[in-house]
Amino acid sequence: MGSTKFFEFWDWNEGHNLVLEIYKIIKKFPDTERFNLISQLRSAAVSIPTNIAEGTGRRTTKDLIHFLVQARGSAYEVIYLLYLSKSLNYLDEEIYRELFSRYNRLAAALNSHISSLDK
């Protein structure tokens, strides 16, 4: 598929942009969360574009689907972690709603991508 084909995917680009947003918001979280919520949120967010890139570099469509499924799972993990962050008052409602919406769209796009490849 070529080494930089993943740059062409909307879901990779949106995943990358969302990682940058996550890095911005976690700077405001309490230091006590550095090894817990911050670490998990950062890891799950980074996992999305990373899995898209890795799957794109694989040899078969089956492999690509596997990594897109992993990326989708990470998107849902981030959605929960954002909800938890809001519940703990680390995120205000407006930021939560925006990120929730964007991650939901990303998960839907990944699902659509998976479905189109799985036919």
C-alpha atoms as a PDB file:
ATOM      1  CA  MET A   1       0.000   0.000   0.000  1.00  0.00           C
ATOM      2  CA  GLY A   2       2.911   2.404   0.225  1.00  0.00           C
ATOM      3  CA  SER A   3       4.588   3.851   3.252  1.00  0.00           C
ATOM      4  CA  THR A   4       2.611   7.114   3.478  1.00  0.00           C
ATOM      5  CA  LYS A   5      -0.795   6.035   2.158  1.00  0.00           C
ATOM      6  CA  PHE A   6      -2.298   6.496   5.622  1.00  0.00           C
ATOM      7  CA  PHE A   7      -1.911  10.283   5.216  1.00  0.00           C
ATOM      8  CA  GLU A   8      -4.671  10.075   2.611  1.00  0.00           C
ATOM      9  CA  PHE A   9      -7.255   8.681   5.038  1.00  0.00           C
ATOM     10  CA  TRP A  10      -9.604  11.206   6.653  1.00  0.00           C
ATOM     11  CA  ASP A  11      -9.729   8.977   9.728  1.00  0.00           C
ATOM     12  CA  TRP A  12      -5.930   9.032  10.118  1.00  0.00           C
ATOM     13  CA  ASN A  13      -5.799  12.821   9.760  1.00  0.00           C
ATOM     14  CA  GLU A  14      -8.669  13.339  12.193  1.00  0.00           C
ATOM     15  CA  GLY A  15      -7.104  10.868  14.617  1.00  0.00           C
ATOM     16  CA  HIS A  16      -3.826  12.774  14.453  1.00  0.00           C
ATOM     17  CA  ASN A  17      -5.557  16.121  14.987  1.00  0.00           C
ATOM     18  CA  LEU A  18      -7.438  14.695  17.947  1.00  0.00           C
ATOM     19  CA  VAL A  19      -4.178  13.445  19.508  1.00  0.00           C
ATOM     20  CA  LEU A  20      -2.936  17.041  19.404  1.00  0.00           C
ATOM     21  CA  GLU A  21      -6.148  18.166  21.152  1.00  0.00           C
ATOM     22  CA  ILE A  22      -5.759  15.502  23.825  1.00  0.00           C
ATOM     23  CA  TYR A  23      -2.179  16.608  24.491  1.00  0.00           C
ATOM     24  CA  LYS A  24      -3.476  20.163  25.013  1.00  0.00           C
ATOM     25  CA  ILE A  25      -6.242  19.248  27.436  1.00  0.00           C
ATOM     26  CA  ILE A  26      -4.253  16.834  29.598  1.00  0.00           C
ATOM     27  CA  LYS A  27      -1.835  19.634  30.475  1.00  0.00           C
ATOM     28  CA  LYS A  28      -4.651  21.005  32.656  1.00  0.00           C
ATOM     29  CA  PHE A  29      -5.273  17.740  34.519  1.00  0.00           C
ATOM     30  CA  PRO A  30      -3.929  17.407  38.066  1.00  0.00           C
ATOM     31  CA  ASP A  31      -0.430  15.965  38.456  1.00  0.00           C
ATOM     32  CA  THR A  32      -1.898  13.179  40.576  1.00  0.00           C
ATOM     33  CA  GLU A  33      -3.391  11.766  37.344  1.00  0.00           C
ATOM     34  CA  ARG A  34      -0.056  11.693  35.484  1.00  0.00           C
ATOM     35  CA  PHE A  35       0.375   7.915  35.742  1.00  0.00           C
ATOM     36  CA  ASN A  36      -3.313   7.046  35.611  1.00  0.00           C
ATOM     37  CA  LEU A  37      -5.889   8.932  33.598  1.00  0.00           C
ATOM     38  CA  ILE A  38      -3.420  11.122  31.692  1.00  0.00           C
ATOM     39  CA  SER A  39      -1.314   8.157  30.652  1.00  0.00           C
ATOM     40  CA  GLN A  40      -4.306   6.054  29.607  1.00  0.00           C
ATOM     41  CA  LEU A  41      -5.996   8.878  27.699  1.00  0.00           C
ATOM     42  CA  ARG A  42      -2.801   9.771  25.861  1.00  0.00           C
ATOM     43  CA  SER A  43      -2.114   6.116  25.033  1.00  0.00           C
ATOM     44  CA  ALA A  44      -5.630   5.417  23.743  1.00  0.00           C
ATOM     45  CA  ALA A  45      -5.662   8.592  21.621  1.00  0.00           C
ATOM     46  CA  VAL A  46      -2.241   7.901  20.086  1.00  0.00           C
ATOM     47  CA  SER A  47      -3.275   4.308  19.406  1.00  0.00           C
ATOM     48  CA  ILE A  48      -5.888   5.391  16.849  1.00  0.00           C
ATOM     49  CA  PRO A  49      -3.700   6.972  14.146  1.00  0.00           C
ATOM     50  CA  THR A  50      -0.887   4.551  15.020  1.00  0.00           C
ATOM     51  CA  ASN A  51      -3.079   1.527  14.288  1.00  0.00           C
ATOM     52  CA  ILE A  52      -4.380   3.108  11.082  1.00  0.00           C
ATOM     53  CA  ALA A  53      -0.781   3.699   9.947  1.00  0.00           C
ATOM     54  CA  GLU A  54       0.338   0.202  10.909  1.00  0.00           C
ATOM     55  CA  GLY A  55      -2.632  -1.443   9.208  1.00  0.00           C
ATOM     56  CA  THR A  56      -2.057   0.563   6.058  1.00  0.00           C
ATOM     57  CA  GLY A  57       1.502  -0.710   5.944  1.00  0.00           C
ATOM     58  CA  ARG A  58       0.444  -4.345   6.187  1.00  0.00           C
ATOM     59  CA  ARG A  59       0.256  -6.691   3.267  1.00  0.00           C
ATOM     60  CA  THR A  60      -3.368  -7.818   3.246  1.00  0.00           C
ATOM     61  CA  THR A  61      -6.819  -6.306   3.543  1.00  0.00           C
ATOM     62  CA  LYS A  62      -7.477  -8.698   6.437  1.00  0.00           C
ATOM     63  CA  ASP A  63      -4.516  -7.187   8.299  1.00  0.00           C
ATOM     64  CA  LEU A  64      -5.724  -3.655   7.560  1.00  0.00           C
ATOM     65  CA  ILE A  65      -9.181  -4.503   8.889  1.00  0.00           C
ATOM     66  CA  HIS A  66      -7.647  -5.931  12.068  1.00  0.00           C
ATOM     67  CA  PHE A  67      -5.784  -2.684  12.779  1.00  0.00           C
ATOM     68  CA  LEU A  68      -8.789  -0.520  11.892  1.00  0.00           C
ATOM     69  CA  VAL A  69     -10.836  -2.529  14.405  1.00  0.00           C
ATOM     70  CA  GLN A  70      -8.119  -1.854  17.006  1.00  0.00           C
ATOM     71  CA  ALA A  71      -8.254   1.865  16.161  1.00  0.00           C
ATOM     72  CA  ARG A  72     -12.048   1.862  16.518  1.00  0.00           C
ATOM     73  CA  GLY A  73     -11.766   0.184  19.927  1.00  0.00           C
ATOM     74  CA  SER A  74      -9.297   2.850  21.023  1.00  0.00           C
ATOM     75  CA  ALA A  75     -11.699   5.574  19.860  1.00  0.00           C
ATOM     76  CA  TYR A  76     -14.396   4.159  22.123  1.00  0.00           C
ATOM     77  CA  GLU A  77     -11.884   3.917  24.953  1.00  0.00           C
ATOM     78  CA  VAL A  78     -11.097   7.624  24.542  1.00  0.00           C
ATOM     79  CA  ILE A  79     -14.816   8.429  24.554  1.00  0.00           C
ATOM     80  CA  TYR A  80     -15.185   6.754  27.941  1.00  0.00           C
ATOM     81  CA  LEU A  81     -12.028   8.392  29.322  1.00  0.00           C
ATOM     82  CA  LEU A  82     -13.326  11.797  28.234  1.00  0.00           C
ATOM     83  CA  TYR A  83     -16.596  11.074  30.030  1.00  0.00           C
ATOM     84  CA  LEU A  84     -14.664  10.085  33.136  1.00  0.00           C
ATOM     85  CA  SER A  85     -12.572  13.261  32.874  1.00  0.00           C
ATOM     86  CA  LYS A  86     -15.739  15.357  32.670  1.00  0.00           C
ATOM     87  CA  SER A  87     -17.251  13.490  35.616  1.00  0.00           C
ATOM     88  CA  LEU A  88     -14.148  14.283  37.663  1.00  0.00           C
ATOM     89  CA  ASN A  89     -14.420  17.961  36.615  1.00  0.00           C
ATOM     90  CA  TYR A  90     -11.151  17.885  34.655  1.00  0.00           C
ATOM     91  CA  LEU A  91     -12.993  18.881  31.450  1.00  0.00           C
ATOM     92  CA  ASP A  92     -15.671  21.477  31.028  1.00  0.00           C
ATOM     93  CA  GLU A  93     -18.907  20.544  29.283  1.00  0.00           C
ATOM     94  CA  GLU A  94     -18.183  22.404  26.041  1.00  0.00           C
ATOM     95  CA  ILE A  95     -14.803  20.768  25.443  1.00  0.00           C
ATOM     96  CA  TYR A  96     -16.235  17.383  26.389  1.00  0.00           C
ATOM     97  CA  ARG A  97     -19.126  17.712  23.925  1.00  0.00           C
ATOM     98  CA  GLU A  98     -16.841  18.792  21.086  1.00  0.00           C
ATOM     99  CA  LEU A  99     -14.360  15.968  21.633  1.00  0.00           C
ATOM    100  CA  PHE A 100     -17.134  13.425  22.234  1.00  0.00           C
ATOM    101  CA  SER A 101     -18.720  14.401  18.918  1.00  0.00           C
ATOM    102  CA  ARG A 102     -15.436  14.258  16.998  1.00  0.00           C
ATOM    103  CA  TYR A 103     -14.465  10.874  18.448  1.00  0.00           C
ATOM    104  CA  ASN A 104     -17.931   9.498  17.681  1.00  0.00           C
ATOM    105  CA  ARG A 105     -17.614  10.671  14.064  1.00  0.00           C
ATOM    106  CA  LEU A 106     -14.154   9.117  13.898  1.00  0.00           C
ATOM    107  CA  ALA A 107     -15.441   5.791  15.262  1.00  0.00           C
ATOM    108  CA  ALA A 108     -18.292   5.869  12.716  1.00  0.00           C
ATOM    109  CA  ALA A 109     -15.845   6.610   9.889  1.00  0.00           C
ATOM    110  CA  LEU A 110     -13.634   3.730  10.987  1.00  0.00           C
ATOM    111  CA  ASN A 111     -16.671   1.462  11.149  1.00  0.00           C
ATOM    112  CA  SER A 112     -17.667   2.498   7.645  1.00  0.00           C
ATOM    113  CA  HIS A 113     -14.127   1.937   6.396  1.00  0.00           C
ATOM    114  CA  ILE A 114     -14.057  -1.512   8.004  1.00  0.00           C
ATOM    115  CA  SER A 115     -17.442  -2.417   6.507  1.00  0.00           C
ATOM    116  CA  SER A 116     -16.392  -1.341   3.010  1.00  0.00           C
ATOM    117  CA  LEU A 117     -13.218  -3.435   3.182  1.00  0.00           C
ATOM    118  CA  ASP A 118     -14.990  -6.443   4.695  1.00  0.00           C
ATOM    119  CA  LYS A 119     -17.244  -6.991   1.656  1.00  0.00           C
END
